[in-house]
C-alpha atoms as a PDB file:
ATOM      1  CA  MET A   1      -4.862  23.260  24.099  1.00  0.00           C
ATOM      2  CA  ARG A   2      -4.591  20.003  21.685  1.00  0.00           C
ATOM      3  CA  THR A   3      -7.700  18.492  21.598  1.00  0.00           C
ATOM      4  CA  PRO A   4      -7.579  14.248  22.804  1.00  0.00           C
ATOM      5  CA  PRO A   5      -7.663  11.962  19.772  1.00  0.00           C
ATOM      6  CA  SER A   6     -11.136  10.178  19.562  1.00  0.00           C
ATOM      7  CA  LEU A   7     -12.111   6.828  20.268  1.00  0.00           C
ATOM      8  CA  LEU A   8     -12.257   5.488  17.157  1.00  0.00           C
ATOM      9  CA  SER A   9      -9.168   7.219  16.326  1.00  0.00           C
ATOM     10  CA  LEU A  10      -7.077   5.145  19.070  1.00  0.00           C
ATOM     11  CA  THR A  11      -8.627   2.092  18.106  1.00  0.00           C
ATOM     12  CA  ILE A  12      -7.752   2.282  14.549  1.00  0.00           C
ATOM     13  CA  ASP A  13      -4.231   2.815  15.101  1.00  0.00           C
ATOM     14  CA  LYS A  14      -4.217  -0.124  17.577  1.00  0.00           C
ATOM     15  CA  ALA A  15      -5.951  -1.864  14.684  1.00  0.00           C
ATOM     16  CA  VAL A  16      -3.128  -1.039  12.507  1.00  0.00           C
ATOM     17  CA  LEU A  17      -0.537  -2.209  14.684  1.00  0.00           C
ATOM     18  CA  ASN A  18      -2.218  -5.641  15.322  1.00  0.00           C
ATOM     19  CA  LEU A  19      -3.701  -5.875  11.426  1.00  0.00           C
ATOM     20  CA  SER A  20      -1.193  -9.179  10.765  1.00  0.00           C
ATOM     21  CA  HIS A  21      -3.348 -10.639  13.958  1.00  0.00           C
ATOM     22  CA  ILE A  22      -7.204 -10.189  12.146  1.00  0.00           C
ATOM     23  CA  SER A  23      -8.361 -12.992   9.825  1.00  0.00           C
ATOM     24  CA  ASP A  24     -11.826 -10.601   8.781  1.00  0.00           C
ATOM     25  CA  LEU A  25     -12.456  -7.049   7.661  1.00  0.00           C
ATOM     26  CA  SER A  26     -15.348  -7.514   6.149  1.00  0.00           C
ATOM     27  CA  ILE A  27     -17.350  -6.284   8.874  1.00  0.00           C
ATOM     28  CA  LEU A  28     -16.069  -2.960   9.154  1.00  0.00           C
ATOM     29  CA  PRO A  29     -17.602   0.099   7.578  1.00  0.00           C
ATOM     30  CA  ASP A  30     -16.592   1.596   4.450  1.00  0.00           C
ATOM     31  CA  HIS A  31     -15.043   4.722   5.398  1.00  0.00           C
ATOM     32  CA  ILE A  32     -13.466   3.156   8.621  1.00  0.00           C
ATOM     33  CA  LEU A  33     -12.102   0.221   6.450  1.00  0.00           C
ATOM     34  CA  LEU A  34     -10.698   3.152   3.819  1.00  0.00           C
ATOM     35  CA  ASP A  35      -9.523   4.693   7.035  1.00  0.00           C
ATOM     36  CA  LEU A  36      -7.568   1.854   8.267  1.00  0.00           C
ATOM     37  CA  PHE A  37      -6.369   1.181   4.854  1.00  0.00           C
ATOM     38  CA  LEU A  38      -4.987   4.577   4.294  1.00  0.00           C
ATOM     39  CA  ARG A  39      -2.903   4.414   7.936  1.00  0.00           C
ATOM     40  CA  THR A  40      -1.811   0.977   7.489  1.00  0.00           C
ATOM     41  CA  LEU A  41      -0.063   2.925   4.076  1.00  0.00           C
ATOM     42  CA  ASN A  42       0.928   5.481   6.258  1.00  0.00           C
ATOM     43  CA  ALA A  43       2.806   3.820   8.945  1.00  0.00           C
ATOM     44  CA  GLY A  44       4.250   1.163   6.437  1.00  0.00           C
ATOM     45  CA  LYS A  45       2.440  -1.900   7.878  1.00  0.00           C
ATOM     46  CA  LEU A  46       0.900  -3.312   4.354  1.00  0.00           C
ATOM     47  CA  THR A  47       2.230  -7.166   3.606  1.00  0.00           C
ATOM     48  CA  GLU A  48       1.316  -9.385   1.223  1.00  0.00           C
ATOM     49  CA  LYS A  49      -0.822 -11.191   3.825  1.00  0.00           C
ATOM     50  CA  VAL A  50      -2.835  -7.236   4.902  1.00  0.00           C
ATOM     51  CA  LEU A  51      -3.198  -6.740   1.326  1.00  0.00           C
ATOM     52  CA  LYS A  52      -4.868  -9.773   0.855  1.00  0.00           C
ATOM     53  CA  LEU A  53      -6.900  -9.094   3.988  1.00  0.00           C
ATOM     54  CA  PHE A  54      -8.242  -5.978   2.251  1.00  0.00           C
ATOM     55  CA  ILE A  55      -8.870  -7.089  -0.857  1.00  0.00           C
ATOM     56  CA  ALA A  56     -11.057  -9.977   0.771  1.00  0.00           C
ATOM     57  CA  THR A  57     -13.688  -7.506   1.958  1.00  0.00           C
ATOM     58  CA  GLY A  58     -14.809  -6.673  -1.623  1.00  0.00           C
ATOM     59  CA  LYS A  59     -15.383  -3.301  -0.933  1.00  0.00           C
ATOM     60  CA  ASP A  60     -15.185  -0.897  -3.989  1.00  0.00           C
ATOM     61  CA  GLU A  61     -13.377   2.463  -2.155  1.00  0.00           C
ATOM     62  CA  VAL A  62     -10.916  -0.172  -1.213  1.00  0.00           C
ATOM     63  CA  LEU A  63     -10.262  -2.192  -4.167  1.00  0.00           C
ATOM     64  CA  PHE A  64     -10.460   1.322  -6.188  1.00  0.00           C
ATOM     65  CA  MET A  65      -7.699   2.702  -3.769  1.00  0.00           C
ATOM     66  CA  ILE A  66      -5.231  -0.644  -4.695  1.00  0.00           C
ATOM     67  CA  GLN A  67      -5.628  -0.526  -8.117  1.00  0.00           C
ATOM     68  CA  ALA A  68      -4.719   3.609  -7.912  1.00  0.00           C
ATOM     69  CA  LEU A  69      -1.583   3.011  -6.482  1.00  0.00           C
ATOM     70  CA  ASN A  70      -1.083   0.465  -8.669  1.00  0.00           C
ATOM     71  CA  ILE A  71      -0.439  -2.137  -5.656  1.00  0.00           C
ATOM     72  CA  LYS A  72       0.006  -5.653  -6.827  1.00  0.00           C
ATOM     73  CA  HIS A  73       0.540  -9.187  -5.489  1.00  0.00           C
ATOM     74  CA  ILE A  74       4.163 -10.482  -5.152  1.00  0.00           C
ATOM     75  CA  LEU A  75       3.601 -13.423  -7.314  1.00  0.00           C
ATOM     76  CA  THR A  76       6.505 -15.905  -6.076  1.00  0.00           C
ATOM     77  CA  PRO A  77       7.797 -18.839  -8.122  1.00  0.00           C
ATOM     78  CA  VAL A  78       7.375 -21.990  -6.985  1.00  0.00           C
ATOM     79  CA  LEU A  79      10.073 -24.568  -8.088  1.00  0.00           C
ATOM     80  CA  PRO A  80       9.336 -28.230  -8.280  1.00  0.00           C
ATOM     81  CA  THR A  81      10.959 -30.222  -5.375  1.00  0.00           C
ATOM     82  CA  ARG A  82      11.078 -33.092  -7.086  1.00  0.00           C
ATOM     83  CA  CYS A  83      10.734 -34.934 -10.569  1.00  0.00           C
ATOM     84  CA  SER A  84       8.327 -37.383 -11.285  1.00  0.00           C
ATOM     85  CA  GLU A  85      10.152 -38.398 -14.647  1.00  0.00           C
ATOM     86  CA  LYS A  86      13.185 -40.448 -15.034  1.00  0.00           C
ATOM     87  CA  PHE A  87      16.381 -38.648 -17.353  1.00  0.00           C
END
């Protein structure tokens, strides 16, 4: 018989599904934050906004994981919409 998942595991799974609605992850303990990051990657839910959330925590383990996996911000160029100089 299979053992039921723990409350922590269920909570992290729900957090992965609703990560786009969370504004701050810095209050989470390091081991939970790292588990949340890995589960987010496995679920394919890592977006630019979610990546910024994890980077904003400043936790060394998460920053190291991001660097080790070579995950980078996507820099979208912004084109000017108006020219101030007259030609």
